[in-house]
N, C-alpha and C. Protein backbone atom coordinates (compact mmCIF):
# COMPACT_ATOMS: atom_id res chain seq x y z
N MET A 1 29.57 3.17 -37.87
CA MET A 1 28.62 2.17 -37.84
C MET A 1 27.49 2.37 -37.47
N GLU A 2 27.49 3.24 -36.30
CA GLU A 2 26.09 3.63 -35.53
C GLU A 2 25.24 4.51 -36.40
N LYS A 3 25.95 5.59 -37.32
CA LYS A 3 25.35 6.37 -38.13
C LYS A 3 24.70 5.37 -39.52
N TYR A 4 25.25 4.49 -39.79
CA TYR A 4 24.78 3.39 -40.76
C TYR A 4 23.61 3.05 -40.23
N LEU A 5 23.56 2.50 -39.04
CA LEU A 5 22.40 1.82 -38.53
C LEU A 5 21.34 2.61 -38.31
N CYS A 6 21.55 3.99 -38.06
CA CYS A 6 20.58 4.96 -37.93
C CYS A 6 19.90 5.30 -39.27
N LYS A 7 20.78 5.30 -40.34
CA LYS A 7 20.20 5.68 -41.57
C LYS A 7 19.19 4.59 -41.96
N ARG A 8 19.41 3.40 -41.65
CA ARG A 8 18.36 2.48 -42.22
C ARG A 8 17.04 2.21 -41.18
N ARG A 9 16.99 3.20 -40.41
CA ARG A 9 16.03 3.60 -39.55
C ARG A 9 15.30 2.40 -38.66
N LEU A 10 15.19 1.18 -39.39
CA LEU A 10 14.42 0.08 -38.78
C LEU A 10 15.39 -0.49 -37.63
N ARG A 11 16.63 -0.47 -37.65
CA ARG A 11 17.91 -0.61 -36.81
C ARG A 11 17.91 0.28 -35.65
N CYS A 12 17.56 1.37 -35.85
CA CYS A 12 17.54 2.33 -34.82
C CYS A 12 16.41 2.42 -33.98
N VAL A 13 15.16 1.94 -34.36
CA VAL A 13 13.94 1.79 -33.84
C VAL A 13 14.19 0.65 -32.91
N PHE A 14 14.73 -0.44 -33.38
CA PHE A 14 14.62 -1.44 -32.45
C PHE A 14 15.99 -1.78 -31.71
N LYS A 15 16.69 -0.75 -31.63
CA LYS A 15 18.05 -0.73 -30.74
C LYS A 15 17.71 -0.73 -29.36
N ASP A 16 18.37 -1.63 -28.62
CA ASP A 16 18.19 -1.71 -27.11
C ASP A 16 19.47 -0.92 -26.48
N GLY A 17 19.07 -0.05 -25.45
CA GLY A 17 20.21 0.82 -24.99
C GLY A 17 20.66 0.31 -23.75
N ARG A 18 20.03 -0.58 -23.09
CA ARG A 18 20.38 -1.24 -21.96
C ARG A 18 21.61 -2.02 -22.07
N ILE A 19 22.38 -1.87 -20.96
CA ILE A 19 23.77 -2.71 -21.01
C ILE A 19 23.69 -3.82 -20.37
N GLY A 20 23.20 -3.99 -19.07
CA GLY A 20 23.17 -5.11 -18.34
C GLY A 20 22.18 -5.06 -17.22
N PHE A 21 22.12 -5.75 -16.33
CA PHE A 21 21.20 -5.78 -15.26
C PHE A 21 21.91 -5.64 -13.98
N LYS A 22 20.89 -5.24 -13.01
CA LYS A 22 21.19 -4.89 -11.60
C LYS A 22 21.37 -6.14 -10.75
N PRO A 23 22.17 -6.62 -10.00
CA PRO A 23 21.77 -7.82 -9.08
C PRO A 23 20.79 -7.37 -8.21
N SER A 24 19.97 -8.32 -7.80
CA SER A 24 19.08 -8.33 -6.60
C SER A 24 19.94 -7.74 -5.40
N ILE A 25 18.87 -7.11 -4.69
CA ILE A 25 19.35 -6.61 -3.36
C ILE A 25 19.16 -7.49 -2.22
N ILE A 26 18.34 -8.51 -2.53
CA ILE A 26 17.84 -9.35 -1.57
C ILE A 26 18.58 -10.79 -2.07
N LYS A 27 19.51 -11.28 -1.09
CA LYS A 27 20.39 -12.37 -1.33
C LYS A 27 19.35 -14.06 -1.33
N ASP A 28 19.99 -14.82 -1.67
CA ASP A 28 19.08 -16.07 -1.41
C ASP A 28 18.71 -16.61 -0.03
N ASN A 29 19.51 -16.45 0.77
CA ASN A 29 19.37 -16.82 2.23
C ASN A 29 18.03 -15.84 2.79
N GLU A 30 18.04 -14.57 2.41
CA GLU A 30 17.16 -13.64 2.75
C GLU A 30 15.72 -13.97 1.92
N ARG A 31 15.92 -14.42 0.74
CA ARG A 31 14.58 -14.59 0.01
C ARG A 31 13.88 -15.69 0.70
N GLU A 32 14.97 -16.76 1.13
CA GLU A 32 14.11 -17.84 1.90
C GLU A 32 13.39 -17.38 3.07
N GLN A 33 14.16 -16.86 3.87
CA GLN A 33 13.34 -15.97 5.17
C GLN A 33 12.10 -15.38 4.68
N LEU A 34 12.26 -14.55 3.67
CA LEU A 34 11.00 -13.60 3.39
C LEU A 34 9.86 -14.71 2.92
N GLU A 35 10.26 -15.90 2.19
CA GLU A 35 9.28 -16.94 1.63
C GLU A 35 8.48 -17.51 3.02
N LYS A 36 9.50 -17.94 3.98
CA LYS A 36 8.85 -18.32 4.93
C LYS A 36 7.89 -17.52 5.72
N LEU A 37 8.29 -16.26 5.84
CA LEU A 37 7.39 -15.36 6.52
C LEU A 37 5.97 -15.11 5.71
N LEU A 38 6.19 -14.96 4.29
CA LEU A 38 4.91 -14.69 3.55
C LEU A 38 4.05 -16.05 3.46
N THR A 39 4.76 -17.26 3.65
CA THR A 39 3.66 -18.45 3.41
C THR A 39 3.07 -18.99 4.86
N ASN A 40 3.65 -18.13 5.91
CA ASN A 40 2.97 -18.42 7.17
C ASN A 40 1.66 -17.51 7.41
N PRO A 41 0.66 -18.24 7.71
CA PRO A 41 -0.57 -17.43 7.80
C PRO A 41 -0.83 -16.90 9.10
N SER A 42 -0.16 -17.12 10.10
CA SER A 42 -0.21 -16.59 11.46
C SER A 42 0.95 -15.54 11.76
N ASN A 43 1.53 -15.17 10.79
CA ASN A 43 2.63 -14.10 11.25
C ASN A 43 2.40 -12.79 11.64
N GLY A 44 1.15 -12.38 11.28
CA GLY A 44 0.59 -11.03 11.92
C GLY A 44 0.95 -9.90 11.08
N ILE A 45 1.54 -10.05 9.72
CA ILE A 45 1.77 -8.84 8.93
C ILE A 45 0.61 -8.87 7.87
N VAL A 46 0.15 -7.46 7.95
CA VAL A 46 -1.16 -7.38 7.14
C VAL A 46 -0.94 -6.36 6.13
N GLY A 47 0.17 -6.08 5.88
CA GLY A 47 0.56 -5.02 4.70
C GLY A 47 1.80 -5.18 4.24
N TYR A 48 2.11 -4.14 3.19
CA TYR A 48 3.34 -4.30 2.70
C TYR A 48 4.47 -3.09 3.50
N THR A 49 3.59 -2.01 4.19
CA THR A 49 4.26 -1.42 5.29
C THR A 49 5.02 -2.22 6.37
N GLU A 50 4.20 -3.03 6.88
CA GLU A 50 4.68 -3.85 8.04
C GLU A 50 5.79 -4.82 7.41
N LEU A 51 5.50 -5.32 6.22
CA LEU A 51 6.69 -6.02 5.62
C LEU A 51 7.89 -5.19 5.64
N LEU A 52 7.82 -4.15 5.03
CA LEU A 52 9.21 -3.41 4.69
C LEU A 52 9.75 -3.16 5.97
N ASN A 53 8.84 -2.80 7.38
CA ASN A 53 9.53 -2.68 8.43
C ASN A 53 10.31 -3.95 8.94
N TRP A 54 9.64 -4.96 8.82
CA TRP A 54 10.33 -6.13 9.10
C TRP A 54 11.75 -6.48 8.27
N VAL A 55 11.53 -6.33 6.99
CA VAL A 55 12.80 -6.29 6.26
C VAL A 55 13.87 -5.37 6.90
N ASN A 56 13.64 -4.11 7.09
CA ASN A 56 14.47 -3.18 7.73
C ASN A 56 15.28 -3.65 8.81
N THR A 57 14.35 -4.08 9.87
CA THR A 57 14.76 -4.56 11.29
C THR A 57 15.33 -5.92 11.10
N GLU A 58 14.96 -7.06 10.51
CA GLU A 58 15.31 -8.38 10.63
C GLU A 58 16.38 -8.42 9.81
N LEU A 59 16.45 -7.96 8.39
CA LEU A 59 17.36 -8.35 7.44
C LEU A 59 18.41 -7.07 7.03
N HIS A 60 18.05 -6.03 7.99
CA HIS A 60 18.97 -5.00 7.93
C HIS A 60 19.36 -4.38 6.52
N LYS A 61 18.27 -4.35 5.76
CA LYS A 61 18.12 -3.79 4.49
C LYS A 61 17.48 -2.34 4.59
N ASP A 62 18.00 -1.41 3.75
CA ASP A 62 17.31 -0.22 3.86
C ASP A 62 16.64 -0.25 2.05
N MET A 63 15.55 -0.45 2.27
CA MET A 63 14.98 -0.75 0.85
C MET A 63 13.74 0.34 0.77
N LYS A 64 13.53 0.76 -0.64
CA LYS A 64 12.35 1.71 -0.71
C LYS A 64 10.92 0.83 -0.85
N TYR A 65 9.78 1.32 -0.46
CA TYR A 65 8.42 0.45 -0.31
C TYR A 65 8.24 0.06 -1.75
N ILE A 66 8.42 0.90 -2.92
CA ILE A 66 8.10 0.29 -4.11
C ILE A 66 8.86 -0.85 -4.73
N THR A 67 10.21 -0.89 -4.29
CA THR A 67 11.11 -1.97 -4.38
C THR A 67 10.66 -3.18 -3.97
N LEU A 68 10.16 -3.05 -2.88
CA LEU A 68 9.96 -4.28 -1.96
C LEU A 68 8.70 -4.81 -2.66
N VAL A 69 7.54 -3.84 -2.85
CA VAL A 69 6.49 -4.36 -3.34
C VAL A 69 6.67 -5.07 -4.80
N LYS A 70 7.17 -4.47 -5.59
CA LYS A 70 7.55 -5.12 -6.88
C LYS A 70 8.35 -6.44 -6.74
N TYR A 71 9.06 -6.54 -5.79
CA TYR A 71 10.07 -7.80 -5.55
C TYR A 71 9.24 -8.82 -5.25
N VAL A 72 8.35 -8.54 -3.98
CA VAL A 72 7.59 -9.55 -3.75
C VAL A 72 6.19 -10.11 -4.44
N GLN A 73 5.73 -9.02 -5.32
CA GLN A 73 4.59 -9.46 -6.35
C GLN A 73 5.47 -10.28 -7.47
N ARG A 74 6.43 -9.89 -7.87
CA ARG A 74 7.30 -10.74 -9.01
C ARG A 74 7.68 -12.04 -8.57
N ASN A 75 8.17 -12.10 -7.38
CA ASN A 75 8.75 -13.49 -6.96
C ASN A 75 7.75 -14.29 -6.27
N PHE A 76 6.87 -13.62 -5.47
CA PHE A 76 5.75 -14.64 -4.61
C PHE A 76 4.19 -14.50 -5.07
N ASN A 77 4.31 -13.86 -6.24
CA ASN A 77 2.72 -13.34 -6.55
C ASN A 77 1.90 -12.87 -5.61
N THR A 78 2.43 -11.95 -4.70
CA THR A 78 1.45 -11.38 -3.84
C THR A 78 0.53 -10.39 -4.38
N LYS A 79 -0.53 -9.94 -3.72
CA LYS A 79 -1.49 -8.97 -4.14
C LYS A 79 -1.95 -8.17 -3.16
N ILE A 80 -2.38 -6.98 -3.12
CA ILE A 80 -3.12 -6.40 -1.96
C ILE A 80 -4.35 -6.81 -1.86
N LYS A 81 -4.76 -7.32 -0.70
CA LYS A 81 -6.05 -7.81 -0.28
C LYS A 81 -6.57 -7.23 1.04
N VAL A 82 -7.83 -7.03 0.68
CA VAL A 82 -8.27 -6.27 2.04
C VAL A 82 -9.41 -7.22 2.35
N ALA A 83 -9.55 -7.64 3.82
CA ALA A 83 -10.39 -8.40 4.23
C ALA A 83 -10.88 -7.94 5.61
N ARG A 84 -11.53 -8.46 6.29
CA ARG A 84 -11.96 -8.23 7.57
C ARG A 84 -10.83 -8.53 8.46
N LYS A 85 -10.65 -7.70 9.40
CA LYS A 85 -9.54 -8.08 10.49
C LYS A 85 -9.96 -9.05 11.29
N SER A 86 -9.05 -10.00 11.57
CA SER A 86 -9.01 -11.22 12.32
C SER A 86 -7.86 -11.20 13.36
N HIS A 87 -8.07 -11.47 14.52
CA HIS A 87 -7.04 -11.43 15.67
C HIS A 87 -6.25 -12.92 15.21
N VAL A 88 -4.83 -12.62 15.04
CA VAL A 88 -3.84 -13.73 14.93
C VAL A 88 -3.80 -14.60 15.90
N LYS A 89 -4.19 -14.55 16.99
CA LYS A 89 -4.08 -15.70 18.22
C LYS A 89 -5.37 -16.08 18.73
N LYS A 90 -6.28 -16.03 17.61
CA LYS A 90 -7.92 -16.56 17.89
C LYS A 90 -7.70 -18.21 18.20
N GLU A 91 -8.74 -18.58 18.90
CA GLU A 91 -8.78 -20.02 19.10
C GLU A 91 -9.60 -20.74 18.02
N GLU A 92 -8.97 -21.50 17.33
CA GLU A 92 -9.60 -22.42 16.38
C GLU A 92 -10.94 -23.12 17.00
N LYS A 93 -10.94 -23.79 17.87
CA LYS A 93 -12.03 -24.55 18.45
C LYS A 93 -13.33 -23.47 18.74
N ALA A 94 -13.03 -22.20 19.36
CA ALA A 94 -13.98 -21.29 19.41
C ALA A 94 -14.53 -20.80 17.98
N VAL A 95 -13.85 -20.70 17.20
CA VAL A 95 -14.50 -20.69 15.70
C VAL A 95 -15.23 -21.57 15.35
N GLU A 96 -14.90 -22.73 15.52
CA GLU A 96 -15.66 -23.85 15.05
C GLU A 96 -16.87 -23.95 15.70
N ALA A 97 -16.85 -23.75 17.06
CA ALA A 97 -18.09 -23.68 17.89
C ALA A 97 -19.04 -22.79 17.26
N PHE A 98 -18.60 -21.41 17.31
CA PHE A 98 -19.40 -20.33 16.55
C PHE A 98 -20.17 -20.69 15.11
N LYS A 99 -19.29 -21.30 14.20
CA LYS A 99 -19.83 -21.47 13.08
C LYS A 99 -21.07 -22.64 13.27
N LYS A 100 -20.72 -23.55 14.26
CA LYS A 100 -21.77 -24.71 14.30
C LYS A 100 -23.04 -24.34 14.98
N THR A 101 -22.93 -23.21 15.68
CA THR A 101 -24.39 -22.62 16.44
C THR A 101 -24.78 -21.33 15.67
N SER A 102 -24.33 -20.96 14.74
CA SER A 102 -24.61 -19.78 14.06
C SER A 102 -25.79 -20.23 13.07
N ILE A 103 -26.78 -19.35 12.80
CA ILE A 103 -27.84 -19.51 12.17
C ILE A 103 -27.58 -19.31 10.73
N LYS A 104 -27.97 -20.39 9.93
CA LYS A 104 -27.60 -20.35 8.46
C LYS A 104 -28.76 -19.62 7.69
N SER A 105 -28.79 -18.80 6.92
CA SER A 105 -29.67 -18.06 6.25
C SER A 105 -30.12 -19.06 4.79
N VAL A 106 -31.29 -18.91 4.62
CA VAL A 106 -31.88 -19.97 3.55
C VAL A 106 -31.99 -19.18 2.29
């Protein structure tokens, strides 16, 4: 049968050799923990490397960097963003006072 399909060439080109799918290494309850961490703006995690360290210590998973990056990008739409560093525990009142007294450019 296989030879017959390959003789027709069109079937051979569109043939998919994959057999099944791999189950996710991250379970549902771990996914919820990860989602809670990523939606919290004051968590202190500033990059994928720190996130990988958190996953390795808290979830006790031995994951590769690229596996975690692609999982988080696919499921939570994260992106690499480079911004100015800001202290996690800064006071919001002091920030508002600074913004009110700063000189605005025209």
